[in-house]
């Protein structure tokens, strides 16, 4: 009986979540520059993320348990949830400004016991923890602003499709899907001059 009730609750949450997702992406036009309309393709991009983690973290003798995993503008945090199942992280953080989506994400996380912390915040006011893997599926304008405001200093940043304008990626990986590419920006070893620079100086130093 209890199992049946939990199952009904779970599928109800999924339906409500889908409706909320449609509202936040297709119908709510109050933040048109803040929204990417499609989820990450876990089947293809998940494998690419695993290869990136191996190359940039574990192959260097580091452990993912020493890193925070951060997904800004996370929606239901599909990629964070995928990586939570594959690796141990210091903490897993999904930052989202859509209240309904955030609520459904928290409920799903509670049911699945995946230990994702959902934070209600504007990503421009959120401070990314030091030593983090940051997965971004956000527009170039948003990612570039985060970079210019120093939000990504010292982080390993992975961007799907959209680039940080004026910054050469450490690596670019072509995808077979319409989402085209993944860029890796390794800001963990940025020079002291770059870390101390103002946004305008930072762009010049990188170019």
Protein backbone atom coordinates (compact mmCIF):
# COMPACT_ATOMS: atom_id res chain seq x y z
CA UNK A 1 0.00 0.00 0.00
CA UNK A 2 2.74 2.42 1.02
CA UNK A 3 4.76 1.50 -2.05
CA UNK A 4 1.76 2.17 -4.31
CA UNK A 5 1.23 5.57 -2.72
CA UNK A 6 4.89 6.44 -3.17
CA UNK A 7 4.70 5.34 -6.80
CA UNK A 8 1.63 7.51 -7.40
CA UNK A 9 3.35 10.44 -5.70
CA UNK A 10 6.49 9.96 -7.79
CA UNK A 11 4.66 9.89 -11.13
CA UNK A 12 2.50 12.83 -10.08
CA UNK A 13 5.67 14.77 -9.31
CA UNK A 14 7.04 13.89 -12.73
CA UNK A 15 3.89 15.13 -14.47
CA UNK A 16 3.79 18.33 -12.43
CA UNK A 17 7.49 18.79 -13.08
CA UNK A 18 7.02 18.48 -16.81
CA UNK A 19 4.25 21.06 -16.73
CA UNK A 20 6.48 23.33 -14.68
CA UNK A 21 9.32 22.84 -17.13
CA UNK A 22 7.08 23.79 -20.05
CA UNK A 23 5.97 26.88 -18.14
CA UNK A 24 9.50 27.96 -17.30
CA UNK A 25 10.84 27.41 -20.79
CA UNK A 26 8.11 27.82 -23.40
CA UNK A 27 5.45 29.98 -21.75
CA UNK A 28 7.12 32.20 -19.14
CA UNK A 29 8.81 34.82 -21.31
CA UNK A 30 9.82 37.15 -18.47
CA UNK A 31 13.41 35.85 -18.59
CA UNK A 32 14.00 34.99 -22.27
CA UNK A 33 17.76 35.56 -21.97
CA UNK A 34 18.08 33.18 -19.01
CA UNK A 35 16.62 30.01 -20.47
CA UNK A 36 17.95 27.16 -22.60
CA UNK A 37 15.00 25.24 -23.98
CA UNK A 38 16.25 21.64 -24.10
CA UNK A 39 17.86 19.28 -21.61
CA UNK A 40 21.33 17.85 -22.00
CA UNK A 41 21.57 14.60 -23.95
CA UNK A 42 22.81 12.27 -21.22
CA UNK A 43 23.44 9.35 -23.55
CA UNK A 44 26.06 11.22 -25.59
CA UNK A 45 27.18 14.05 -23.34
CA UNK A 46 27.35 11.87 -20.25
CA UNK A 47 30.10 9.78 -21.84
CA UNK A 48 31.95 12.93 -22.87
CA UNK A 49 31.72 14.28 -19.30
CA UNK A 50 33.13 11.01 -17.97
CA UNK A 51 36.10 11.32 -20.35
CA UNK A 52 36.64 14.95 -19.27
CA UNK A 53 36.57 14.00 -15.59
CA UNK A 54 39.09 11.26 -16.23
CA UNK A 55 41.42 13.53 -18.21
CA UNK A 56 41.24 16.65 -16.05
CA UNK A 57 40.73 15.19 -12.57
CA UNK A 58 41.41 11.51 -11.95
CA UNK A 59 44.30 11.15 -14.43
CA UNK A 60 46.03 13.98 -12.58
CA UNK A 61 45.94 11.94 -9.39
CA UNK A 62 43.04 13.93 -7.94
CA UNK A 63 39.75 12.61 -6.61
CA UNK A 64 36.27 13.87 -7.47
CA UNK A 65 35.54 13.65 -3.74
CA UNK A 66 37.73 16.76 -3.36
CA UNK A 67 35.58 18.70 -5.85
CA UNK A 68 32.17 20.28 -5.66
CA UNK A 69 29.91 19.64 -8.64
CA UNK A 70 27.94 22.77 -9.54
CA UNK A 71 25.24 23.12 -12.20
CA UNK A 72 24.07 26.76 -12.52
CA UNK A 73 20.68 27.24 -14.17
CA UNK A 74 20.15 23.56 -13.45
CA UNK A 75 16.45 23.06 -14.07
CA UNK A 76 15.86 19.52 -12.77
CA UNK A 77 19.65 18.96 -12.66
CA UNK A 78 19.70 16.02 -15.08
CA UNK A 79 23.47 16.17 -15.63
CA UNK A 80 24.26 16.72 -11.95
CA UNK A 81 22.08 13.70 -11.11
CA UNK A 82 23.82 11.60 -13.76
CA UNK A 83 27.28 12.51 -12.44
CA UNK A 84 26.12 12.00 -8.84
CA UNK A 85 25.41 8.38 -9.70
CA UNK A 86 28.84 7.90 -11.27
CA UNK A 87 31.17 9.66 -8.83
CA UNK A 88 31.61 10.77 -5.25
CA UNK A 89 31.70 14.56 -4.85
CA UNK A 90 32.46 16.87 -1.95
CA UNK A 91 29.02 18.37 -2.54
CA UNK A 92 26.56 18.55 -5.41
CA UNK A 93 24.83 21.89 -5.99
CA UNK A 94 22.08 22.78 -8.45
CA UNK A 95 21.36 26.51 -8.72
CA UNK A 96 17.92 27.42 -10.09
CA UNK A 97 15.75 30.53 -10.10
CA UNK A 98 12.47 28.90 -11.21
CA UNK A 99 10.55 28.31 -7.97
CA UNK A 100 8.28 25.54 -9.25
CA UNK A 101 11.10 23.73 -11.02
CA UNK A 102 13.22 24.04 -7.88
CA UNK A 103 10.48 22.54 -5.72
CA UNK A 104 9.97 19.58 -8.07
CA UNK A 105 13.73 19.09 -8.32
CA UNK A 106 13.99 18.93 -4.54
CA UNK A 107 11.16 16.41 -4.32
CA UNK A 108 12.70 14.19 -6.99
CA UNK A 109 16.08 14.45 -5.28
CA UNK A 110 14.52 13.43 -1.97
CA UNK A 111 12.80 10.42 -3.55
CA UNK A 112 15.94 9.32 -5.38
CA UNK A 113 18.29 10.01 -2.46
CA UNK A 114 20.90 11.52 -4.76
CA UNK A 115 22.05 14.15 -2.24
CA UNK A 116 21.77 17.12 -4.61
CA UNK A 117 21.43 20.46 -2.85
CA UNK A 118 19.03 22.70 -4.76
CA UNK A 119 19.65 26.40 -4.14
CA UNK A 120 17.17 29.10 -5.07
CA UNK A 121 19.35 31.92 -6.37
CA UNK A 122 20.12 34.13 -9.31
CA UNK A 123 23.32 32.67 -10.72
CA UNK A 124 24.89 36.14 -10.90
CA UNK A 125 24.58 36.57 -7.14
CA UNK A 126 25.70 33.01 -6.32
CA UNK A 127 29.32 32.36 -5.31
CA UNK A 128 30.67 29.13 -6.79
CA UNK A 129 32.65 27.11 -4.20
CA UNK A 130 36.37 26.90 -4.78
CA UNK A 131 37.67 23.76 -6.48
CA UNK A 132 34.52 22.94 -8.40
CA UNK A 133 33.56 21.26 -11.64
CA UNK A 134 31.02 23.65 -13.13
CA UNK A 135 28.70 22.29 -15.83
CA UNK A 136 26.98 25.04 -17.82
CA UNK A 137 24.23 24.73 -20.39
CA UNK A 138 23.57 28.46 -20.58
CA UNK A 139 23.74 31.04 -23.35
CA UNK A 140 27.05 32.67 -24.27
CA UNK A 141 25.88 36.01 -22.87
CA UNK A 142 25.27 34.47 -19.45
CA UNK A 143 28.45 32.37 -19.30
CA UNK A 144 30.54 35.30 -20.52
CA UNK A 145 29.09 37.58 -17.84
CA UNK A 146 29.79 34.98 -15.15
CA UNK A 147 33.38 34.84 -16.36
CA UNK A 148 33.76 38.61 -16.54
CA UNK A 149 32.44 38.98 -13.01
CA UNK A 150 35.05 36.52 -11.73
CA UNK A 151 32.54 33.81 -10.79
CA UNK A 152 34.54 31.08 -12.54
CA UNK A 153 38.03 31.84 -11.24
CA UNK A 154 39.86 28.72 -10.14
CA UNK A 155 37.22 26.35 -11.53
CA UNK A 156 37.10 23.60 -14.13
CA UNK A 157 34.26 24.74 -16.38
CA UNK A 158 32.46 22.58 -18.95
CA UNK A 159 30.10 24.38 -21.35
CA UNK A 160 27.61 22.67 -23.64
CA UNK A 161 27.09 24.33 -27.05
CA UNK A 162 27.66 27.93 -25.96
CA UNK A 163 31.10 29.51 -25.54
CA UNK A 164 32.69 32.11 -23.28
CA UNK A 165 33.14 34.99 -25.70
CA UNK A 166 36.71 36.11 -26.28
CA UNK A 167 38.23 33.18 -24.37
CA UNK A 168 40.02 30.27 -26.04
CA UNK A 169 38.80 26.95 -24.57
CA UNK A 170 41.33 24.54 -23.15
CA UNK A 171 39.68 21.84 -25.26
CA UNK A 172 36.73 21.63 -27.63
CA UNK A 173 34.96 18.34 -28.30
CA UNK A 174 32.66 17.91 -31.29
CA UNK A 175 29.34 16.16 -30.68
CA UNK A 176 27.25 14.14 -33.12
CA UNK A 177 24.02 15.68 -31.85
CA UNK A 178 22.55 19.07 -32.79
CA UNK A 179 24.01 20.49 -29.59
CA UNK A 180 27.26 20.56 -31.57
CA UNK A 181 30.10 20.80 -29.06
CA UNK A 182 31.39 20.82 -25.51
CA UNK A 183 34.10 23.25 -24.44
CA UNK A 184 36.39 22.76 -21.46
CA UNK A 185 37.81 25.84 -19.75
CA UNK A 186 40.42 24.99 -17.14
CA UNK A 187 40.64 28.07 -14.94
CA UNK A 188 42.19 26.15 -12.03
CA UNK A 189 45.70 27.18 -12.99
CA UNK A 190 45.04 30.72 -14.13
CA UNK A 191 47.99 33.02 -13.71
CA UNK A 192 48.05 35.37 -10.65
CA UNK A 193 47.75 38.28 -13.09
CA UNK A 194 44.57 36.81 -14.56
CA UNK A 195 43.05 36.12 -11.15
CA UNK A 196 43.75 39.67 -9.98
CA UNK A 197 42.61 41.38 -13.17
CA UNK A 198 39.46 43.38 -13.64
CA UNK A 199 36.92 41.98 -16.18
CA UNK A 200 38.29 44.16 -19.00
CA UNK A 201 41.90 43.33 -18.11
CA UNK A 202 40.99 39.65 -17.83
CA UNK A 203 39.66 39.59 -21.38
CA UNK A 204 42.83 41.25 -22.71
CA UNK A 205 45.10 38.86 -20.80
CA UNK A 206 43.26 35.86 -22.17
CA UNK A 207 43.41 37.13 -25.76
